[in-house]
Structures are given as C-alpha cells and as structure tokens.
PDB file of N, CA and C in Angstrom:
ATOM      1  N   MET A   1       0.849  -1.160   0.000  1.00  0.00           N
ATOM      2  CA  MET A   1       0.000   0.000   0.000  1.00  0.00           C
ATOM      3  C   MET A   1       0.906   1.238   0.000  1.00  0.00           C
ATOM      4  N   ASN A   2       0.640   2.165  -0.917  1.00  0.00           N
ATOM      5  CA  ASN A   2       1.500   3.326  -1.066  1.00  0.00           C
ATOM      6  C   ASN A   2       0.631   4.561  -1.320  1.00  0.00           C
ATOM      7  N   PHE A   3       0.512   5.442  -0.343  1.00  0.00           N
ATOM      8  CA  PHE A   3      -0.270   6.669  -0.472  1.00  0.00           C
ATOM      9  C   PHE A   3       0.665   7.866  -0.507  1.00  0.00           C
ATOM     10  N   PHE A   4       0.624   8.609  -1.583  1.00  0.00           N
ATOM     11  CA  PHE A   4       1.414   9.840  -1.720  1.00  0.00           C
ATOM     12  C   PHE A   4       2.902   9.593  -1.476  1.00  0.00           C
ATOM     13  N   GLY A   5       3.399   8.426  -1.871  1.00  0.00           N
ATOM     14  CA  GLY A   5       4.810   8.116  -1.691  1.00  0.00           C
ATOM     15  C   GLY A   5       5.157   7.694  -0.276  1.00  0.00           C
ATOM     16  N   ILE A   6       4.135   7.436   0.550  1.00  0.00           N
ATOM     17  CA  ILE A   6       4.362   7.010   1.937  1.00  0.00           C
ATOM     18  C   ILE A   6       3.989   5.534   2.031  1.00  0.00           C
ATOM     19  N   GLY A   7       4.912   4.723   2.475  1.00  0.00           N
ATOM     20  CA  GLY A   7       4.668   3.289   2.608  1.00  0.00           C
ATOM     21  C   GLY A   7       3.968   2.962   3.924  1.00  0.00           C
ATOM     22  N   LEU A   8       3.710   1.683   4.137  1.00  0.00           N
ATOM     23  CA  LEU A   8       3.012   1.232   5.338  1.00  0.00           C
ATOM     24  C   LEU A   8       3.793   1.526   6.621  1.00  0.00           C
ATOM     25  N   PRO A   9       5.115   1.294   6.670  1.00  0.00           N
ATOM     26  CA  PRO A   9       5.833   1.596   7.923  1.00  0.00           C
ATOM     27  C   PRO A   9       5.786   3.082   8.289  1.00  0.00           C
ATOM     28  N   GLU A  10       5.876   3.949   7.285  1.00  0.00           N
ATOM     29  CA  GLU A  10       5.820   5.389   7.567  1.00  0.00           C
ATOM     30  C   GLU A  10       4.440   5.797   8.072  1.00  0.00           C
ATOM     31  N   MET A  11       3.390   5.184   7.502  1.00  0.00           N
ATOM     32  CA  MET A  11       2.033   5.512   7.954  1.00  0.00           C
ATOM     33  C   MET A  11       1.814   5.090   9.410  1.00  0.00           C
ATOM     34  N   VAL A  12       2.315   3.927   9.772  1.00  0.00           N
ATOM     35  CA  VAL A  12       2.178   3.449  11.155  1.00  0.00           C
ATOM     36  C   VAL A  12       2.907   4.397  12.098  1.00  0.00           C
ATOM     37  N   LEU A  13       4.097   4.845  11.723  1.00  0.00           N
ATOM     38  CA  LEU A  13       4.856   5.779  12.553  1.00  0.00           C
ATOM     39  C   LEU A  13       4.093   7.092  12.729  1.00  0.00           C
ATOM     40  N   ILE A  14       3.494   7.595  11.634  1.00  0.00           N
ATOM     41  CA  ILE A  14       2.729   8.844  11.722  1.00  0.00           C
ATOM     42  C   ILE A  14       1.515   8.675  12.634  1.00  0.00           C
ATOM     43  N   LEU A  15       0.817   7.537  12.537  1.00  0.00           N
ATOM     44  CA  LEU A  15      -0.349   7.292  13.394  1.00  0.00           C
ATOM     45  C   LEU A  15       0.054   7.182  14.872  1.00  0.00           C
ATOM     46  N   VAL A  16       1.182   6.556  15.157  1.00  0.00           N
ATOM     47  CA  VAL A  16       1.646   6.434  16.551  1.00  0.00           C
ATOM     48  C   VAL A  16       1.987   7.816  17.111  1.00  0.00           C
ATOM     49  N   VAL A  17       2.672   8.635  16.330  1.00  0.00           N
ATOM     50  CA  VAL A  17       3.011   9.985  16.793  1.00  0.00           C
ATOM     51  C   VAL A  17       1.743  10.802  17.003  1.00  0.00           C
ATOM     52  N   ALA A  18       0.771  10.705  16.063  1.00  0.00           N
ATOM     53  CA  ALA A  18      -0.491  11.426  16.214  1.00  0.00           C
ATOM     54  C   ALA A  18      -1.237  10.957  17.457  1.00  0.00           C
ATOM     55  N   LEU A  19      -1.215   9.680  17.719  1.00  0.00           N
ATOM     56  CA  LEU A  19      -1.878   9.143  18.911  1.00  0.00           C
ATOM     57  C   LEU A  19      -1.235   9.682  20.180  1.00  0.00           C
ATOM     58  N   LEU A  20       0.095   9.787  20.190  1.00  0.00           N
ATOM     59  CA  LEU A  20       0.789  10.326  21.361  1.00  0.00           C
ATOM     60  C   LEU A  20       0.525  11.818  21.533  1.00  0.00           C
ATOM     61  N   VAL A  21       0.468  12.561  20.426  1.00  0.00           N
ATOM     62  CA  VAL A  21       0.293  14.013  20.511  1.00  0.00           C
ATOM     63  C   VAL A  21      -1.146  14.376  20.861  1.00  0.00           C
ATOM     64  N   PHE A  22      -2.113  13.782  20.160  1.00  0.00           N
ATOM     65  CA  PHE A  22      -3.507  14.186  20.351  1.00  0.00           C
ATOM     66  C   PHE A  22      -4.260  13.331  21.357  1.00  0.00           C
ATOM     67  N   GLY A  23      -3.838  12.133  21.594  1.00  0.00           N
ATOM     68  CA  GLY A  23      -4.523  11.262  22.547  1.00  0.00           C
ATOM     69  C   GLY A  23      -5.597  10.434  21.863  1.00  0.00           C
ATOM     70  N   PRO A  24      -6.012   9.359  22.545  1.00  0.00           N
ATOM     71  CA  PRO A  24      -6.986   8.451  21.932  1.00  0.00           C
ATOM     72  C   PRO A  24      -8.395   9.038  21.796  1.00  0.00           C
ATOM     73  N   LYS A  25      -8.738  10.031  22.584  1.00  0.00           N
ATOM     74  CA  LYS A  25     -10.086  10.607  22.510  1.00  0.00           C
ATOM     75  C   LYS A  25     -10.216  11.593  21.346  1.00  0.00           C
ATOM     76  N   LYS A  26      -9.172  12.300  21.065  1.00  0.00           N
ATOM     77  CA  LYS A  26      -9.209  13.350  20.037  1.00  0.00           C
ATOM     78  C   LYS A  26      -8.935  12.802  18.634  1.00  0.00           C
ATOM     79  N   LEU A  27      -8.242  11.668  18.528  1.00  0.00           N
ATOM     80  CA  LEU A  27      -7.828  11.135  17.234  1.00  0.00           C
ATOM     81  C   LEU A  27      -8.999  10.800  16.292  1.00  0.00           C
ATOM     82  N   PRO A  28     -10.077  10.145  16.754  1.00  0.00           N
ATOM     83  CA  PRO A  28     -11.200   9.870  15.839  1.00  0.00           C
ATOM     84  C   PRO A  28     -11.868  11.153  15.313  1.00  0.00           C
ATOM     85  N   GLU A  29     -11.945  12.162  16.141  1.00  0.00           N
ATOM     86  CA  GLU A  29     -12.539  13.436  15.730  1.00  0.00           C
ATOM     87  C   GLU A  29     -11.683  14.097  14.641  1.00  0.00           C
ATOM     88  N   ILE A  30     -10.368  14.043  14.815  1.00  0.00           N
ATOM     89  CA  ILE A  30      -9.464  14.609  13.808  1.00  0.00           C
ATOM     90  C   ILE A  30      -9.577  13.820  12.499  1.00  0.00           C
ATOM     91  N   GLY A  31      -9.666  12.505  12.604  1.00  0.00           N
ATOM     92  CA  GLY A  31      -9.821  11.674  11.410  1.00  0.00           C
ATOM     93  C   GLY A  31     -11.105  11.989  10.659  1.00  0.00           C
ATOM     94  N   ARG A  32     -12.213  12.182  11.395  1.00  0.00           N
ATOM     95  CA  ARG A  32     -13.487  12.534  10.760  1.00  0.00           C
ATOM     96  C   ARG A  32     -13.406  13.875  10.050  1.00  0.00           C
ATOM     97  N   SER A  33     -12.810  14.862  10.709  1.00  0.00           N
ATOM     98  CA  SER A  33     -12.719  16.189  10.092  1.00  0.00           C
ATOM     99  C   SER A  33     -11.813  16.168   8.856  1.00  0.00           C
ATOM    100  N   MET A  34     -10.736  15.378   8.915  1.00  0.00           N
ATOM    101  CA  MET A  34      -9.876  15.255   7.730  1.00  0.00           C
ATOM    102  C   MET A  34     -10.610  14.542   6.597  1.00  0.00           C
ATOM    103  N   GLY A  35     -11.393  13.524   6.922  1.00  0.00           N
ATOM    104  CA  GLY A  35     -12.182  12.804   5.913  1.00  0.00           C
ATOM    105  C   GLY A  35     -13.196  13.715   5.242  1.00  0.00           C
ATOM    106  N   LYS A  36     -13.856  14.561   6.051  1.00  0.00           N
ATOM    107  CA  LYS A  36     -14.833  15.508   5.490  1.00  0.00           C
ATOM    108  C   LYS A  36     -14.144  16.524   4.587  1.00  0.00           C
ATOM    109  N   ALA A  37     -12.976  16.977   4.993  1.00  0.00           N
ATOM    110  CA  ALA A  37     -12.245  17.955   4.182  1.00  0.00           C
ATOM    111  C   ALA A  37     -11.821  17.349   2.848  1.00  0.00           C
ATOM    112  N   ILE A  38     -11.343  16.107   2.892  1.00  0.00           N
ATOM    113  CA  ILE A  38     -10.934  15.437   1.659  1.00  0.00           C
ATOM    114  C   ILE A  38     -12.144  15.212   0.762  1.00  0.00           C
ATOM    115  N   ARG A  39     -13.285  14.822   1.346  1.00  0.00           N
ATOM    116  CA  ARG A  39     -14.510  14.587   0.572  1.00  0.00           C
ATOM    117  C   ARG A  39     -14.993  15.875  -0.095  1.00  0.00           C
ATOM    118  N   SER A  40     -14.964  16.991   0.619  1.00  0.00           N
ATOM    119  CA  SER A  40     -15.413  18.254   0.029  1.00  0.00           C
ATOM    120  C   SER A  40     -14.465  18.709  -1.080  1.00  0.00           C
ATOM    121  N   PHE A  41     -13.180  18.431  -0.892  1.00  0.00           N
ATOM    122  CA  PHE A  41     -12.221  18.755  -1.953  1.00  0.00           C
ATOM    123  C   PHE A  41     -12.489  17.928  -3.208  1.00  0.00           C
ATOM    124  N   GLN A  42     -12.793  16.641  -3.033  1.00  0.00           N
ATOM    125  CA  GLN A  42     -13.103  15.781  -4.178  1.00  0.00           C
ATOM    126  C   GLN A  42     -14.374  16.245  -4.881  1.00  0.00           C
ATOM    127  N   ASP A  43     -15.391  16.613  -4.098  1.00  0.00           N
ATOM    128  CA  ASP A  43     -16.644  17.092  -4.696  1.00  0.00           C
ATOM    129  C   ASP A  43     -16.425  18.372  -5.491  1.00  0.00           C
ATOM    130  N   ALA A  44     -15.651  19.296  -4.931  1.00  0.00           N
ATOM    131  CA  ALA A  44     -15.368  20.546  -5.638  1.00  0.00           C
ATOM    132  C   ALA A  44     -14.574  20.274  -6.911  1.00  0.00           C
ATOM    133  N   SER A  45     -13.659  19.331  -6.845  1.00  0.00           N
ATOM    134  CA  SER A  45     -12.864  18.983  -8.020  1.00  0.00           C
ATOM    135  C   SER A  45     -13.746  18.382  -9.113  1.00  0.00           C
ATOM    136  N   LYS A  46     -14.658  17.491  -8.759  1.00  0.00           N
ATOM    137  CA  LYS A  46     -15.567  16.897  -9.746  1.00  0.00           C
ATOM    138  C   LYS A  46     -16.498  17.949 -10.332  1.00  0.00           C
ATOM    139  N   GLU A  47     -16.990  18.856  -9.494  1.00  0.00           N
ATOM    140  CA  GLU A  47     -17.874  19.918  -9.982  1.00  0.00           C
ATOM    141  C   GLU A  47     -17.132  20.830 -10.968  1.00  0.00           C
ATOM    142  N   PHE A  48     -15.896  21.164 -10.651  1.00  0.00           N
ATOM    143  CA  PHE A  48     -15.094  21.991 -11.560  1.00  0.00           C
ATOM    144  C   PHE A  48     -14.869  21.268 -12.886  1.00  0.00           C
ATOM    145  N   GLU A  49     -14.560  19.982 -12.822  1.00  0.00           N
ATOM    146  CA  GLU A  49     -14.329  19.205 -14.035  1.00  0.00           C
ATOM    147  C   GLU A  49     -15.589  19.130 -14.895  1.00  0.00           C
ATOM    148  N   ASN A  50     -16.748  18.895 -14.262  1.00  0.00           N
ATOM    149  CA  ASN A  50     -18.003  18.838 -15.008  1.00  0.00           C
ATOM    150  C   ASN A  50     -18.331  20.187 -15.643  1.00  0.00           C
ATOM    151  N   GLU A  51     -18.117  21.264 -14.914  1.00  0.00           N
ATOM    152  CA  GLU A  51     -18.380  22.605 -15.453  1.00  0.00           C
ATOM    153  C   GLU A  51     -17.452  22.896 -16.632  1.00  0.00           C
ATOM    154  N   PHE A  52     -16.213  22.500 -16.516  1.00  0.00           N
ATOM    155  CA  PHE A  52     -15.245  22.716 -17.599  1.00  0.00           C
ATOM    156  C   PHE A  52     -15.661  21.943 -18.850  1.00  0.00           C
ATOM    157  N   LYS A  53     -16.065  20.681 -18.681  1.00  0.00           N
ATOM    158  CA  LYS A  53     -16.512  19.877 -19.819  1.00  0.00           C
ATOM    159  C   LYS A  53     -17.758  20.475 -20.463  1.00  0.00           C
ATOM    160  N   ARG A  54     -18.698  20.927 -19.636  1.00  0.00           N
ATOM    161  CA  ARG A  54     -19.938  21.516 -20.151  1.00  0.00           C
ATOM    162  C   ARG A  54     -19.650  22.777 -20.961  1.00  0.00           C
ATOM    163  N   GLU A  55     -18.755  23.614 -20.467  1.00  0.00           N
ATOM    164  CA  GLU A  55     -18.428  24.851 -21.185  1.00  0.00           C
ATOM    165  C   GLU A  55     -17.699  24.568 -22.494  1.00  0.00           C
ATOM    166  N   THR A  56     -16.812  23.574 -22.504  1.00  0.00           N
ATOM    167  CA  THR A  56     -16.127  23.257 -23.758  1.00  0.00           C
ATOM    168  C   THR A  56     -17.100  22.686 -24.779  1.00  0.00           C
ATOM    169  N   GLU A  57     -18.065  21.884 -24.333  1.00  0.00           N
ATOM    170  CA  GLU A  57     -19.074  21.359 -25.260  1.00  0.00           C
ATOM    171  C   GLU A  57     -19.928  22.496 -25.819  1.00  0.00           C
ATOM    172  N   ASN A  58     -20.300  23.463 -24.973  1.00  0.00           N
ATOM    173  CA  ASN A  58     -21.076  24.617 -25.442  1.00  0.00           C
ATOM    174  C   ASN A  58     -20.268  25.432 -26.435  1.00  0.00           C
ATOM    175  N   LEU A  59     -18.993  25.587 -26.170  1.00  0.00           N
ATOM    176  CA  LEU A  59     -18.138  26.361 -27.067  1.00  0.00           C
ATOM    177  C   LEU A  59     -18.000  25.682 -28.418  1.00  0.00           C
ATOM    178  N   VAL A  60     -17.830  24.371 -28.413  1.00  0.00           N
ATOM    179  CA  VAL A  60     -17.706  23.627 -29.662  1.00  0.00           C
ATOM    180  C   VAL A  60     -19.015  23.688 -30.443  1.00  0.00           C
ATOM    181  N   ALA A  61     -20.143  23.588 -29.741  1.00  0.00           N
ATOM    182  CA  ALA A  61     -21.440  23.633 -30.409  1.00  0.00           C
ATOM    183  C   ALA A  61     -21.718  25.023 -30.979  1.00  0.00           C
ATOM    184  N   ALA A  62     -21.248  26.073 -30.323  1.00  0.00           N
ATOM    185  CA  ALA A  62     -21.521  27.438 -30.771  1.00  0.00           C
ATOM    186  C   ALA A  62     -20.577  27.883 -31.877  1.00  0.00           C
ATOM    187  N   THR A  63     -19.460  27.213 -32.042  1.00  0.00           N
ATOM    188  CA  THR A  63     -18.494  27.603 -33.065  1.00  0.00           C
ATOM    189  C   THR A  63     -19.008  27.167 -34.427  1.00  0.00           C
ATOM    190  N   PRO A  64     -19.125  28.107 -35.368  1.00  0.00           N
ATOM    191  CA  PRO A  64     -19.597  27.706 -36.693  1.00  0.00           C
ATOM    192  C   PRO A  64     -18.568  26.813 -37.383  1.00  0.00           C
ATOM    193  N   GLN A  65     -19.083  25.967 -38.235  1.00  0.00           N
ATOM    194  CA  GLN A  65     -18.204  25.070 -38.972  1.00  0.00           C
ATOM    195  C   GLN A  65     -17.370  25.870 -39.961  1.00  0.00           C
ATOM    196  N   PRO A  66     -16.127  25.521 -40.163  1.00  0.00           N
ATOM    197  CA  PRO A  66     -15.290  26.273 -41.092  1.00  0.00           C
ATOM    198  C   PRO A  66     -15.789  26.100 -42.524  1.00  0.00           C
ATOM    199  N   MET A  67     -15.604  27.135 -43.298  1.00  0.00           N
ATOM    200  CA  MET A  67     -16.011  27.094 -44.691  1.00  0.00           C
ATOM    201  C   MET A  67     -15.011  26.253 -45.478  1.00  0.00           C
ATOM    202  N   LYS A  68     -15.525  25.542 -46.466  1.00  0.00           N
ATOM    203  CA  LYS A  68     -14.644  24.744 -47.302  1.00  0.00           C
ATOM    204  C   LYS A  68     -14.094  25.633 -48.406  1.00  0.00           C
ATOM    205  N   ALA A  69     -12.833  25.518 -48.644  1.00  0.00           N
ATOM    206  CA  ALA A  69     -12.189  26.316 -49.679  1.00  0.00           C
ATOM    207  C   ALA A  69     -12.336  25.600 -51.018  1.00  0.00           C
ATOM    208  N   THR A  70     -12.762  26.347 -52.006  1.00  0.00           N
ATOM    209  CA  THR A  70     -12.867  25.778 -53.347  1.00  0.00           C
ATOM    210  C   THR A  70     -12.041  26.638 -54.287  1.00  0.00           C
ATOM    211  N   LEU A  71     -11.454  25.996 -55.264  1.00  0.00           N
ATOM    212  CA  LEU A  71     -10.657  26.723 -56.241  1.00  0.00           C
ATOM    213  C   LEU A  71     -11.554  27.187 -57.369  1.00  0.00           C
ATOM    214  N   GLU A  72     -11.420  28.422 -57.722  1.00  0.00           N
ATOM    215  CA  GLU A  72     -12.174  28.962 -58.842  1.00  0.00           C
ATOM    216  C   GLU A  72     -11.228  29.091 -60.022  1.00  0.00           C
ATOM    217  N   GLU A  73     -11.831  29.108 -61.205  1.00  0.00           N
ATOM    218  CA  GLU A  73     -11.001  29.297 -62.378  1.00  0.00           C
ATOM    219  C   GLU A  73     -10.455  30.712 -62.363  1.00  0.00           C
ATOM    220  N   LYS A  74      -9.288  30.837 -62.915  1.00  0.00           N
ATOM    221  CA  LYS A  74      -8.664  32.147 -62.962  1.00  0.00           C
ATOM    222  C   LYS A  74      -9.519  33.056 -63.844  1.00  0.00           C
ATOM    223  N   PRO A  75      -9.932  34.209 -63.357  1.00  0.00           N
ATOM    224  CA  PRO A  75     -10.803  35.068 -64.153  1.00  0.00           C
ATOM    225  C   PRO A  75     -10.066  35.573 -65.394  1.00  0.00           C
ATOM    226  N   THR A  76     -10.780  35.568 -66.492  1.00  0.00           N
ATOM    227  CA  THR A  76     -10.195  36.070 -67.731  1.00  0.00           C
ATOM    228  C   THR A  76     -10.757  37.447 -67.995  1.00  0.00           C
ATOM    229  N   LEU A  77      -9.933  38.289 -68.484  1.00  0.00           N
ATOM    230  CA  LEU A  77     -10.359  39.654 -68.772  1.00  0.00           C
ATOM    231  C   LEU A  77     -10.875  39.718 -70.199  1.00  0.00           C
ATOM    232  N   ALA A  78     -11.966  40.438 -70.351  1.00  0.00           N
ATOM    233  CA  ALA A  78     -12.510  40.623 -71.691  1.00  0.00           C
ATOM    234  C   ALA A  78     -11.590  41.569 -72.449  1.00  0.00           C
ATOM    235  N   PRO A  79     -11.464  41.355 -73.767  1.00  0.00           N
ATOM    236  CA  PRO A  79     -10.594  42.272 -74.525  1.00  0.00           C
ATOM    237  C   PRO A  79     -11.155  43.684 -74.496  1.00  0.00           C
ATOM    238  N   ALA A  80     -10.275  44.622 -74.429  1.00  0.00           N
ATOM    239  CA  ALA A  80     -10.703  46.021 -74.363  1.00  0.00           C
ATOM    240  C   ALA A  80     -11.316  46.427 -75.690  1.00  0.00           C
ATOM    241  N   GLU A  81     -12.362  47.185 -75.594  1.00  0.00           N
ATOM    242  CA  GLU A  81     -13.002  47.665 -76.816  1.00  0.00           C
ATOM    243  C   GLU A  81     -12.122  48.727 -77.438  1.00  0.00           C
ATOM    244  N   GLU A  82     -12.104  48.718 -78.751  1.00  0.00           N
ATOM    245  CA  GLU A  82     -11.306  49.729 -79.422  1.00  0.00           C
ATOM    246  C   GLU A  82     -11.966  51.074 -79.202  1.00  0.00           C
ATOM    247  N   SER A  83     -11.142  52.037 -78.904  1.00  0.00           N
ATOM    248  CA  SER A  83     -11.722  53.356 -78.641  1.00  0.00           C
ATOM    249  C   SER A  83     -12.132  53.992 -79.967  1.00  0.00           C
ATOM    250  N   VAL A  84     -13.314  54.425 -79.956  1.00  0.00           N
ATOM    251  CA  VAL A  84     -13.854  55.060 -81.149  1.00  0.00           C
ATOM    252  C   VAL A  84     -13.741  56.551 -80.956  1.00  0.00           C
ATOM    253  N   GLU A  85     -12.991  57.156 -81.835  1.00  0.00           N
ATOM    254  CA  GLU A  85     -12.847  58.604 -81.731  1.00  0.00           C
ATOM    255  C   GLU A  85     -13.917  59.244 -82.588  1.00  0.00           C
ATOM    256  N   GLU A  86     -14.625  60.084 -81.955  1.00  0.00           N
ATOM    257  CA  GLU A  86     -15.652  60.797 -82.720  1.00  0.00           C
ATOM    258  C   GLU A  86     -15.003  62.048 -83.301  1.00  0.00           C
ATOM    259  N   THR A  87     -15.260  62.197 -84.544  1.00  0.00           N
ATOM    260  CA  THR A  87     -14.715  63.392 -85.168  1.00  0.00           C
ATOM    261  C   THR A  87     -15.789  64.453 -85.186  1.00  0.00           C
ATOM    262  N   VAL A  88     -15.405  65.576 -84.758  1.00  0.00           N
ATOM    263  CA  VAL A  88     -16.336  66.704 -84.712  1.00  0.00           C
ATOM    264  C   VAL A  88     -15.976  67.645 -85.859  1.00  0.00           C
ATOM    265  N   THR A  89     -16.927  67.876 -86.639  1.00  0.00           N
ATOM    266  CA  THR A  89     -16.660  68.812 -87.735  1.00  0.00           C
ATOM    267  C   THR A  89     -17.315  70.133 -87.423  1.00  0.00           C
ATOM    268  N   ALA A  90     -16.599  71.147 -87.627  1.00  0.00           N
ATOM    269  CA  ALA A  90     -17.104  72.490 -87.314  1.00  0.00           C
ATOM    270  C   ALA A  90     -17.697  73.085 -88.600  1.00  0.00           C
ATOM    271  N   THR A  91     -18.808  73.635 -88.430  1.00  0.00           N
ATOM    272  CA  THR A  91     -19.404  74.315 -89.573  1.00  0.00           C
ATOM    273  C   THR A  91     -19.114  75.793 -89.422  1.00  0.00           C
ATOM    274  N   PRO A  92     -18.710  76.386 -90.456  1.00  0.00           N
ATOM    275  CA  PRO A  92     -18.388  77.808 -90.344  1.00  0.00           C
ATOM    276  C   PRO A  92     -19.629  78.650 -90.092  1.00  0.00           C
ATOM    277  N   ILE A  93     -19.455  79.601 -89.241  1.00  0.00           N
ATOM    278  CA  ILE A  93     -20.543  80.516 -88.918  1.00  0.00           C
ATOM    279  C   ILE A  93     -20.362  81.748 -89.793  1.00  0.00           C
ATOM    280  N   GLU A  94     -21.417  82.070 -90.438  1.00  0.00           N
ATOM    281  CA  GLU A  94     -21.339  83.246 -91.296  1.00  0.00           C
ATOM    282  C   GLU A  94     -21.474  84.494 -90.449  1.00  0.00           C
ATOM    283  N   LYS A  95     -20.695  85.438 -90.813  1.00  0.00           N
ATOM    284  CA  LYS A  95     -20.692  86.693 -90.100  1.00  0.00           C
ATOM    285  C   LYS A  95     -21.775  87.587 -90.680  1.00  0.00           C
ATOM    286  N   GLU A  96     -22.561  88.131 -89.845  1.00  0.00           N
ATOM    287  CA  GLU A  96     -23.617  89.033 -90.299  1.00  0.00           C
ATOM    288  C   GLU A  96     -23.052  90.437 -90.381  1.00  0.00           C
ATOM    289  N   SER A  97     -23.333  91.053 -91.458  1.00  0.00           N
ATOM    290  CA  SER A  97     -22.846  92.408 -91.604  1.00  0.00           C
ATOM    291  C   SER A  97     -23.941  93.398 -91.679  1.00  0.00           C
TER     292      SER A  97
END
C-alpha cells in the first residue's frame, strides 16, 4: 500500500506519533474532520471538471463550422473595346454684316 509516496511503515509511525500528541479521545474526531475535508475537496474537483466539460461542449457547439475552400477558375479579362474617336466637324458661322 502506497499513499502519496508514503509506505506502510511510515504511515504506522505517523499514526503512533499522532496518537501520542492528540490522545486516543481526540484522534477519531481529527480523522473525521480530515475525511470531510478530503470529501469536500473531491466534490469541488468533480464539480469543476463537469463545469469545464460543459463549457467546452457549449463552445464547440456554438463555433460555426469552417467554410470549405474551393478553387475557382482564374478570371479572364474581356478584350478592351477599341476606342472610337468621334470626329467633330465644325461648320463655319457666317458673319452678319
């Protein structure tokens, strides 16, 4: 049995020291309070994990699908129209005398 890198002999030593320091009457109460603290930490951790998963699923669902890229033919330019020059002819104006 190996908890947090602590083997069985180390755990027994820690329990004996705790028993000597706190006494046999106080030790079960300390164990209960530590158990409750560990349980609440586990519950908070699971709740955080579930919330994180839920938010990532919402984000993925809300993200629009990427557009597919398609190749278009290279646009061809129409030939330029020949410029038509209009010739303006002037008619002489007769002078009135």
